[in-house]
Protein backbone atom coordinates (compact mmCIF):
# COMPACT_ATOMS: atom_id res chain seq x y z
CA UNK A 1 0.00 0.00 0.00
CA UNK A 2 3.04 2.26 0.25
CA UNK A 3 2.83 2.97 -3.48
CA UNK A 4 -0.74 4.28 -3.13
CA UNK A 5 -1.57 8.00 -3.01
CA UNK A 6 -1.98 9.43 0.49
CA UNK A 7 -5.73 9.86 0.00
CA UNK A 8 -6.16 6.18 -0.88
CA UNK A 9 -4.14 5.15 2.17
CA UNK A 10 -6.33 7.34 4.40
CA UNK A 11 -9.50 5.81 2.96
CA UNK A 12 -8.17 2.30 3.60
CA UNK A 13 -7.13 3.33 7.10
CA UNK A 14 -10.66 4.59 7.75
CA UNK A 15 -12.08 1.23 6.71
CA UNK A 16 -9.53 -0.49 8.93
CA UNK A 17 -10.71 1.73 11.78
CA UNK A 18 -14.25 0.42 11.34
CA UNK A 19 -12.91 -3.14 11.55
CA UNK A 20 -11.03 -2.25 14.73
CA UNK A 21 -14.20 -1.24 16.60
CA UNK A 22 -14.49 -3.93 19.27
CA UNK A 23 -18.20 -3.54 20.00
CA UNK A 24 -20.25 -5.32 17.33
CA UNK A 25 -23.23 -2.98 17.73
CA UNK A 26 -21.12 0.16 17.55
CA UNK A 27 -19.30 -1.17 14.49
CA UNK A 28 -22.50 -2.14 12.69
CA UNK A 29 -24.04 1.27 13.42
CA UNK A 30 -20.94 3.17 12.29
CA UNK A 31 -20.61 1.16 9.09
CA UNK A 32 -24.33 1.57 8.37
CA UNK A 33 -24.04 5.34 8.72
CA UNK A 34 -21.09 5.41 6.36
CA UNK A 35 -22.88 3.21 3.83
CA UNK A 36 -25.96 5.42 3.95
CA UNK A 37 -23.82 8.28 2.66
CA UNK A 38 -21.70 6.20 0.26
CA UNK A 39 -23.89 6.73 -2.86
CA UNK A 40 -23.31 10.48 -2.60
CA UNK A 41 -19.56 10.06 -2.15
CA UNK A 42 -19.38 7.49 -4.92
CA UNK A 43 -21.11 9.89 -7.32
CA UNK A 44 -18.79 12.72 -6.27
CA UNK A 45 -15.72 10.57 -6.91
CA UNK A 46 -16.99 9.55 -10.37
CA UNK A 47 -17.72 13.20 -11.23
CA UNK A 48 -14.31 14.30 -9.99
CA UNK A 49 -12.57 11.62 -12.06
CA UNK A 50 -14.61 12.59 -15.14
CA UNK A 51 -13.72 16.26 -14.71
CA UNK A 52 -10.01 15.48 -14.37
CA UNK A 53 -10.03 13.10 -17.33
CA UNK A 54 -11.68 15.80 -19.42
CA UNK A 55 -8.98 18.24 -18.28
CA UNK A 56 -6.24 15.79 -19.32
CA UNK A 57 -7.88 15.45 -22.74
CA UNK A 58 -8.17 19.24 -23.05
CA UNK A 59 -4.45 19.49 -22.24
CA UNK A 60 -3.78 17.39 -25.33
CA UNK A 61 -3.36 13.89 -23.98
CA UNK A 62 -4.67 11.06 -26.12
CA UNK A 63 -7.21 8.55 -24.85
CA UNK A 64 -4.42 5.95 -24.91
CA UNK A 65 -2.20 8.10 -22.70
CA UNK A 66 -5.03 8.73 -20.26
CA UNK A 67 -5.88 5.02 -20.30
CA UNK A 68 -2.28 4.10 -19.46
CA UNK A 69 -2.36 6.50 -16.52
CA UNK A 70 -5.62 5.08 -15.18
CA UNK A 71 -4.87 1.44 -15.95
CA UNK A 72 -7.88 1.02 -18.24
CA UNK A 73 -8.43 0.66 -21.96
CA UNK A 74 -8.58 3.69 -24.24
CA UNK A 75 -12.26 2.97 -24.84
CA UNK A 76 -12.93 2.98 -21.10
CA UNK A 77 -10.97 6.22 -20.65
CA UNK A 78 -13.16 7.82 -23.30
CA UNK A 79 -16.28 6.48 -21.54
CA UNK A 80 -15.08 7.97 -18.25
CA UNK A 81 -14.54 11.30 -19.97
CA UNK A 82 -18.09 11.14 -21.31
CA UNK A 83 -19.49 10.28 -17.90
CA UNK A 84 -20.60 6.80 -18.91
CA UNK A 85 -20.73 4.24 -16.15
CA UNK A 86 -19.53 0.71 -16.64
CA UNK A 87 -22.17 -1.94 -17.01
CA UNK A 88 -22.44 -4.73 -14.51
CA UNK A 89 -22.33 -8.08 -16.17
CA UNK A 90 -24.83 -10.65 -14.96
CA UNK A 91 -23.32 -13.46 -12.93
CA UNK A 92 -22.82 -16.72 -14.78
CA UNK A 93 -24.98 -19.65 -13.78
CA UNK A 94 -23.12 -22.46 -12.07
CA UNK A 95 -24.10 -24.78 -14.95
CA UNK A 96 -22.47 -22.63 -17.64
């Protein structure tokens, strides 16, 4: 985790702090409160990433360069820039 940005480390540390709560009730309540707010934070993070990807494109970077930075395909980088969310694939049946 040492190679992660400081903000990512702090987020992981916050999750670790939830796990460290000894009282099961207190932990469940704290996690529930955080999860209640997560959709808002998740949307904010997606919007922030989209804005920054658009800025990188406006600075002249190609979709391939942006993709390499993010660790995604060029097509996915372009989707992020357009604000398109990834689709969730249905789970495969056990018999498949």
